[in-house]
Amino acid sequence: MQANVGDMLIIHGHVVGQRDRKGEIIEIRGPAGSPPYLVRFEDGHEQLMFPGPDAVVQPATTD
């Protein structure tokens, strides 16, 4: 998995009815865009993450 600062990390829910979590990657601590990522979620909390297979990176838009 490769990412850039500003990309969105989307973690899909594991259980029916559990919504996806979405957060902005604010820091990359691995080499060449690899994990771990420091992510700021929609509720404002920040977490250091090693995303699993249930996560996808959505590139930042350049509008």
PDB file of N, CA and C in Angstrom:
ATOM      1  N   MET A   1       0.857  -1.172   0.000  1.00  0.00           N
ATOM      2  CA  MET A   1       0.000   0.000   0.000  1.00  0.00           C
ATOM      3  C   MET A   1       0.901   1.232   0.000  1.00  0.00           C
ATOM      4  N   GLN A   2       0.580   2.170  -0.877  1.00  0.00           N
ATOM      5  CA  GLN A   2       1.317   3.421  -0.991  1.00  0.00           C
ATOM      6  C   GLN A   2       0.341   4.579  -0.829  1.00  0.00           C
ATOM      7  N   ALA A   3       0.782   5.641  -0.190  1.00  0.00           N
ATOM      8  CA  ALA A   3      -0.079   6.800   0.030  1.00  0.00           C
ATOM      9  C   ALA A   3       0.763   8.063   0.069  1.00  0.00           C
ATOM     10  N   ASN A   4       0.063   9.191   0.007  1.00  0.00           N
ATOM     11  CA  ASN A   4       0.669  10.513   0.132  1.00  0.00           C
ATOM     12  C   ASN A   4      -0.086  11.283   1.202  1.00  0.00           C
ATOM     13  N   VAL A   5       0.575  12.264   1.792  1.00  0.00           N
ATOM     14  CA  VAL A   5      -0.100  13.138   2.748  1.00  0.00           C
ATOM     15  C   VAL A   5      -1.259  13.814   2.031  1.00  0.00           C
ATOM     16  N   GLY A   6      -2.428  13.819   2.665  1.00  0.00           N
ATOM     17  CA  GLY A   6      -3.629  14.401   2.077  1.00  0.00           C
ATOM     18  C   GLY A   6      -4.574  13.368   1.496  1.00  0.00           C
ATOM     19  N   ASP A   7      -4.077  12.154   1.235  1.00  0.00           N
ATOM     20  CA  ASP A   7      -4.946  11.079   0.769  1.00  0.00           C
ATOM     21  C   ASP A   7      -5.895  10.671   1.889  1.00  0.00           C
ATOM     22  N   MET A   8      -7.008  10.032   1.510  1.00  0.00           N
ATOM     23  CA  MET A   8      -7.973   9.551   2.483  1.00  0.00           C
ATOM     24  C   MET A   8      -7.786   8.047   2.670  1.00  0.00           C
ATOM     25  N   LEU A   9      -7.837   7.604   3.919  1.00  0.00           N
ATOM     26  CA  LEU A   9      -7.799   6.188   4.241  1.00  0.00           C
ATOM     27  C   LEU A   9      -9.213   5.770   4.618  1.00  0.00           C
ATOM     28  N   ILE A  10      -9.755   4.801   3.895  1.00  0.00           N
ATOM     29  CA  ILE A  10     -11.111   4.325   4.144  1.00  0.00           C
ATOM     30  C   ILE A  10     -11.014   2.891   4.653  1.00  0.00           C
ATOM     31  N   ILE A  11     -11.591   2.665   5.828  1.00  0.00           N
ATOM     32  CA  ILE A  11     -11.581   1.343   6.446  1.00  0.00           C
ATOM     33  C   ILE A  11     -13.012   0.826   6.437  1.00  0.00           C
ATOM     34  N   HIS A  12     -13.235  -0.250   5.712  1.00  0.00           N
ATOM     35  CA  HIS A  12     -14.578  -0.801   5.564  1.00  0.00           C
ATOM     36  C   HIS A  12     -15.011  -1.509   6.844  1.00  0.00           C
ATOM     37  N   GLY A  13     -16.305  -1.380   7.167  1.00  0.00           N
ATOM     38  CA  GLY A  13     -16.873  -2.026   8.347  1.00  0.00           C
ATOM     39  C   GLY A  13     -16.837  -3.541   8.225  1.00  0.00           C
ATOM     40  N   HIS A  14     -16.685  -4.225   9.361  1.00  0.00           N
ATOM     41  CA  HIS A  14     -16.590  -5.685   9.389  1.00  0.00           C
ATOM     42  C   HIS A  14     -17.936  -6.356   9.594  1.00  0.00           C
ATOM     43  N   VAL A  15     -18.919  -5.625  10.092  1.00  0.00           N
ATOM     44  CA  VAL A  15     -20.190  -6.194  10.490  1.00  0.00           C
ATOM     45  C   VAL A  15     -21.306  -5.463   9.750  1.00  0.00           C
ATOM     46  N   VAL A  16     -22.364  -6.189   9.406  1.00  0.00           N
ATOM     47  CA  VAL A  16     -23.506  -5.563   8.761  1.00  0.00           C
ATOM     48  C   VAL A  16     -24.016  -4.430   9.641  1.00  0.00           C
ATOM     49  N   GLY A  17     -24.212  -3.273   9.049  1.00  0.00           N
ATOM     50  CA  GLY A  17     -24.683  -2.111   9.787  1.00  0.00           C
ATOM     51  C   GLY A  17     -23.570  -1.230  10.321  1.00  0.00           C
ATOM     52  N   GLN A  18     -22.343  -1.737  10.352  1.00  0.00           N
ATOM     53  CA  GLN A  18     -21.205  -0.924  10.815  1.00  0.00           C
ATOM     54  C   GLN A  18     -20.734  -0.080   9.641  1.00  0.00           C
ATOM     55  N   ARG A  19     -20.689   1.217   9.833  1.00  0.00           N
ATOM     56  CA  ARG A  19     -20.300   2.086   8.726  1.00  0.00           C
ATOM     57  C   ARG A  19     -18.784   2.132   8.564  1.00  0.00           C
ATOM     58  N   ASP A  20     -18.367   2.553   7.378  1.00  0.00           N
ATOM     59  CA  ASP A  20     -16.941   2.701   7.087  1.00  0.00           C
ATOM     60  C   ASP A  20     -16.376   3.868   7.891  1.00  0.00           C
ATOM     61  N   ARG A  21     -15.084   3.776   8.206  1.00  0.00           N
ATOM     62  CA  ARG A  21     -14.374   4.883   8.855  1.00  0.00           C
ATOM     63  C   ARG A  21     -13.521   5.545   7.786  1.00  0.00           C
ATOM     64  N   LYS A  22     -13.462   6.869   7.836  1.00  0.00           N
ATOM     65  CA  LYS A  22     -12.721   7.624   6.838  1.00  0.00           C
ATOM     66  C   LYS A  22     -11.863   8.658   7.549  1.00  0.00           C
ATOM     67  N   GLY A  23     -10.587   8.742   7.151  1.00  0.00           N
ATOM     68  CA  GLY A  23      -9.691   9.709   7.754  1.00  0.00           C
ATOM     69  C   GLY A  23      -8.649  10.190   6.767  1.00  0.00           C
ATOM     70  N   GLU A  24      -8.118  11.366   7.039  1.00  0.00           N
ATOM     71  CA  GLU A  24      -7.080  11.954   6.192  1.00  0.00           C
ATOM     72  C   GLU A  24      -5.703  11.548   6.693  1.00  0.00           C
ATOM     73  N   ILE A  25      -4.856  11.122   5.786  1.00  0.00           N
ATOM     74  CA  ILE A  25      -3.477  10.793   6.131  1.00  0.00           C
ATOM     75  C   ILE A  25      -2.732  12.108   6.307  1.00  0.00           C
ATOM     76  N   ILE A  26      -2.243  12.340   7.525  1.00  0.00           N
ATOM     77  CA  ILE A  26      -1.565  13.609   7.806  1.00  0.00           C
ATOM     78  C   ILE A  26      -0.052  13.458   7.943  1.00  0.00           C
ATOM     79  N   GLU A  27       0.404  12.206   8.056  1.00  0.00           N
ATOM     80  CA  GLU A  27       1.846  11.968   8.139  1.00  0.00           C
ATOM     81  C   GLU A  27       2.122  10.535   7.715  1.00  0.00           C
ATOM     82  N   ILE A  28       3.215  10.352   6.979  1.00  0.00           N
ATOM     83  CA  ILE A  28       3.653   9.016   6.563  1.00  0.00           C
ATOM     84  C   ILE A  28       4.967   8.738   7.256  1.00  0.00           C
ATOM     85  N   ARG A  29       5.006   7.643   7.998  1.00  0.00           N
ATOM     86  CA  ARG A  29       6.211   7.340   8.770  1.00  0.00           C
ATOM     87  C   ARG A  29       7.029   6.202   8.193  1.00  0.00           C
ATOM     88  N   GLY A  30       6.525   5.550   7.156  1.00  0.00           N
ATOM     89  CA  GLY A  30       7.259   4.467   6.505  1.00  0.00           C
ATOM     90  C   GLY A  30       8.032   5.000   5.310  1.00  0.00           C
ATOM     91  N   PRO A  31       8.920   4.178   4.759  1.00  0.00           N
ATOM     92  CA  PRO A  31       9.693   4.608   3.597  1.00  0.00           C
ATOM     93  C   PRO A  31       8.854   4.615   2.318  1.00  0.00           C
ATOM     94  N   ALA A  32       9.038   5.616   1.486  1.00  0.00           N
ATOM     95  CA  ALA A  32       8.439   5.706   0.148  1.00  0.00           C
ATOM     96  C   ALA A  32       6.927   5.562   0.139  1.00  0.00           C
ATOM     97  N   GLY A  33       6.244   6.180   1.084  1.00  0.00           N
ATOM     98  CA  GLY A  33       4.785   6.178   1.096  1.00  0.00           C
ATOM     99  C   GLY A  33       4.137   4.955   1.705  1.00  0.00           C
ATOM    100  N   SER A  34       4.918   4.118   2.365  1.00  0.00           N
ATOM    101  CA  SER A  34       4.358   2.909   2.967  1.00  0.00           C
ATOM    102  C   SER A  34       4.013   3.150   4.438  1.00  0.00           C
ATOM    103  N   PRO A  35       3.167   2.274   5.021  1.00  0.00           N
ATOM    104  CA  PRO A  35       2.761   2.429   6.422  1.00  0.00           C
ATOM    105  C   PRO A  35       3.951   2.352   7.368  1.00  0.00           C
ATOM    106  N   PRO A  36       3.785   2.862   8.576  1.00  0.00           N
ATOM    107  CA  PRO A  36       2.553   3.322   9.214  1.00  0.00           C
ATOM    108  C   PRO A  36       2.191   4.744   8.799  1.00  0.00           C
ATOM    109  N   TYR A  37       0.875   5.038   8.933  1.00  0.00           N
ATOM    110  CA  TYR A  37       0.338   6.357   8.618  1.00  0.00           C
ATOM    111  C   TYR A  37      -0.278   6.959   9.875  1.00  0.00           C
ATOM    112  N   LEU A  38      -0.086   8.252  10.046  1.00  0.00           N
ATOM    113  CA  LEU A  38      -0.807   8.976  11.084  1.00  0.00           C
ATOM    114  C   LEU A  38      -2.060   9.521  10.408  1.00  0.00           C
ATOM    115  N   VAL A  39      -3.229   9.115  10.932  1.00  0.00           N
ATOM    116  CA  VAL A  39      -4.508   9.426  10.289  1.00  0.00           C
ATOM    117  C   VAL A  39      -5.368  10.250  11.239  1.00  0.00           C
ATOM    118  N   ARG A  40      -5.993  11.297  10.693  1.00  0.00           N
ATOM    119  CA  ARG A  40      -6.958  12.105  11.448  1.00  0.00           C
ATOM    120  C   ARG A  40      -8.350  11.745  10.941  1.00  0.00           C
ATOM    121  N   PHE A  41      -9.157  11.170  11.836  1.00  0.00           N
ATOM    122  CA  PHE A  41     -10.492  10.718  11.466  1.00  0.00           C
ATOM    123  C   PHE A  41     -11.501  11.845  11.541  1.00  0.00           C
ATOM    124  N   GLU A  42     -12.709  11.564  11.006  1.00  0.00           N
ATOM    125  CA  GLU A  42     -13.763  12.576  10.909  1.00  0.00           C
ATOM    126  C   GLU A  42     -14.139  13.173  12.256  1.00  0.00           C
ATOM    127  N   ASP A  43     -14.002  12.388  13.338  1.00  0.00           N
ATOM    128  CA  ASP A  43     -14.369  12.897  14.666  1.00  0.00           C
ATOM    129  C   ASP A  43     -13.244  13.694  15.323  1.00  0.00           C
ATOM    130  N   GLY A  44     -12.098  13.839  14.623  1.00  0.00           N
ATOM    131  CA  GLY A  44     -11.007  14.661  15.114  1.00  0.00           C
ATOM    132  C   GLY A  44      -9.877  13.913  15.795  1.00  0.00           C
ATOM    133  N   HIS A  45     -10.082  12.631  16.140  1.00  0.00           N
ATOM    134  CA  HIS A  45      -8.984  11.931  16.810  1.00  0.00           C
ATOM    135  C   HIS A  45      -7.960  11.453  15.785  1.00  0.00           C
ATOM    136  N   GLU A  46      -6.725  11.314  16.238  1.00  0.00           N
ATOM    137  CA  GLU A  46      -5.620  10.882  15.391  1.00  0.00           C
ATOM    138  C   GLU A  46      -5.112   9.542  15.881  1.00  0.00           C
ATOM    139  N   GLN A  47      -4.701   8.700  14.924  1.00  0.00           N
ATOM    140  CA  GLN A  47      -4.250   7.359  15.269  1.00  0.00           C
ATOM    141  C   GLN A  47      -3.152   6.944  14.305  1.00  0.00           C
ATOM    142  N   LEU A  48      -2.133   6.273  14.843  1.00  0.00           N
ATOM    143  CA  LEU A  48      -1.078   5.691  14.025  1.00  0.00           C
ATOM    144  C   LEU A  48      -1.570   4.332  13.556  1.00  0.00           C
ATOM    145  N   MET A  49      -1.547   4.098  12.235  1.00  0.00           N
ATOM    146  CA  MET A  49      -2.157   2.897  11.690  1.00  0.00           C
ATOM    147  C   MET A  49      -1.254   2.150  10.733  1.00  0.00           C
ATOM    148  N   PHE A  50      -1.348   0.833  10.813  1.00  0.00           N
ATOM    149  CA  PHE A  50      -0.831  -0.082   9.807  1.00  0.00           C
ATOM    150  C   PHE A  50      -2.080  -0.686   9.167  1.00  0.00           C
ATOM    151  N   PRO A  51      -2.581  -0.112   8.058  1.00  0.00           N
ATOM    152  CA  PRO A  51      -3.852  -0.566   7.492  1.00  0.00           C
ATOM    153  C   PRO A  51      -3.818  -2.036   7.084  1.00  0.00           C
ATOM    154  N   GLY A  52      -4.948  -2.693   7.310  1.00  0.00           N
ATOM    155  CA  GLY A  52      -5.101  -4.098   6.940  1.00  0.00           C
ATOM    156  C   GLY A  52      -5.772  -4.238   5.586  1.00  0.00           C
ATOM    157  N   PRO A  53      -6.182  -5.474   5.252  1.00  0.00           N
ATOM    158  CA  PRO A  53      -6.780  -5.732   3.942  1.00  0.00           C
ATOM    159  C   PRO A  53      -8.163  -5.105   3.764  1.00  0.00           C
ATOM    160  N   ASP A  54      -8.764  -4.632   4.835  1.00  0.00           N
ATOM    161  CA  ASP A  54     -10.078  -3.996   4.760  1.00  0.00           C
ATOM    162  C   ASP A  54      -9.981  -2.494   4.495  1.00  0.00           C
ATOM    163  N   ALA A  55      -8.777  -1.992   4.252  1.00  0.00           N
ATOM    164  CA  ALA A  55      -8.565  -0.547   4.065  1.00  0.00           C
ATOM    165  C   ALA A  55      -8.121  -0.262   2.628  1.00  0.00           C
ATOM    166  N   VAL A  56      -8.545   0.907   2.132  1.00  0.00           N
ATOM    167  CA  VAL A  56      -8.123   1.374   0.810  1.00  0.00           C
ATOM    168  C   VAL A  56      -7.692   2.838   0.930  1.00  0.00           C
ATOM    169  N   VAL A  57      -6.778   3.235   0.071  1.00  0.00           N
ATOM    170  CA  VAL A  57      -6.334   4.629   0.012  1.00  0.00           C
ATOM    171  C   VAL A  57      -7.028   5.285  -1.173  1.00  0.00           C
ATOM    172  N   GLN A  58      -7.685   6.400  -0.900  1.00  0.00           N
ATOM    173  CA  GLN A  58      -8.327   7.199  -1.942  1.00  0.00           C
ATOM    174  C   GLN A  58      -7.452   8.425  -2.155  1.00  0.00           C
ATOM    175  N   PRO A  59      -6.855   8.556  -3.346  1.00  0.00           N
ATOM    176  CA  PRO A  59      -5.968   9.705  -3.596  1.00  0.00           C
ATOM    177  C   PRO A  59      -6.695  11.034  -3.414  1.00  0.00           C
ATOM    178  N   ALA A  60      -5.955  12.009  -2.940  1.00  0.00           N
ATOM    179  CA  ALA A  60      -6.495  13.366  -2.788  1.00  0.00           C
ATOM    180  C   ALA A  60      -6.823  13.929  -4.159  1.00  0.00           C
ATOM    181  N   THR A  61      -7.913  14.689  -4.220  1.00  0.00           N
ATOM    182  CA  THR A  61      -8.276  15.316  -5.487  1.00  0.00           C
ATOM    183  C   THR A  61      -7.475  16.603  -5.660  1.00  0.00           C
ATOM    184  N   THR A  62      -7.176  16.917  -6.875  1.00  0.00           N
ATOM    185  CA  THR A  62      -6.398  18.128  -7.175  1.00  0.00           C
ATOM    186  C   THR A  62      -7.242  19.068  -8.014  1.00  0.00           C
ATOM    187  N   ASP A  63      -8.405  19.436  -7.477  1.00  0.00           N
ATOM    188  CA  ASP A  63      -9.328  20.334  -8.192  1.00  0.00           C
ATOM    189  C   ASP A  63      -8.833  21.749  -8.169  1.00  0.00           C
TER     190      ASP A  63
END
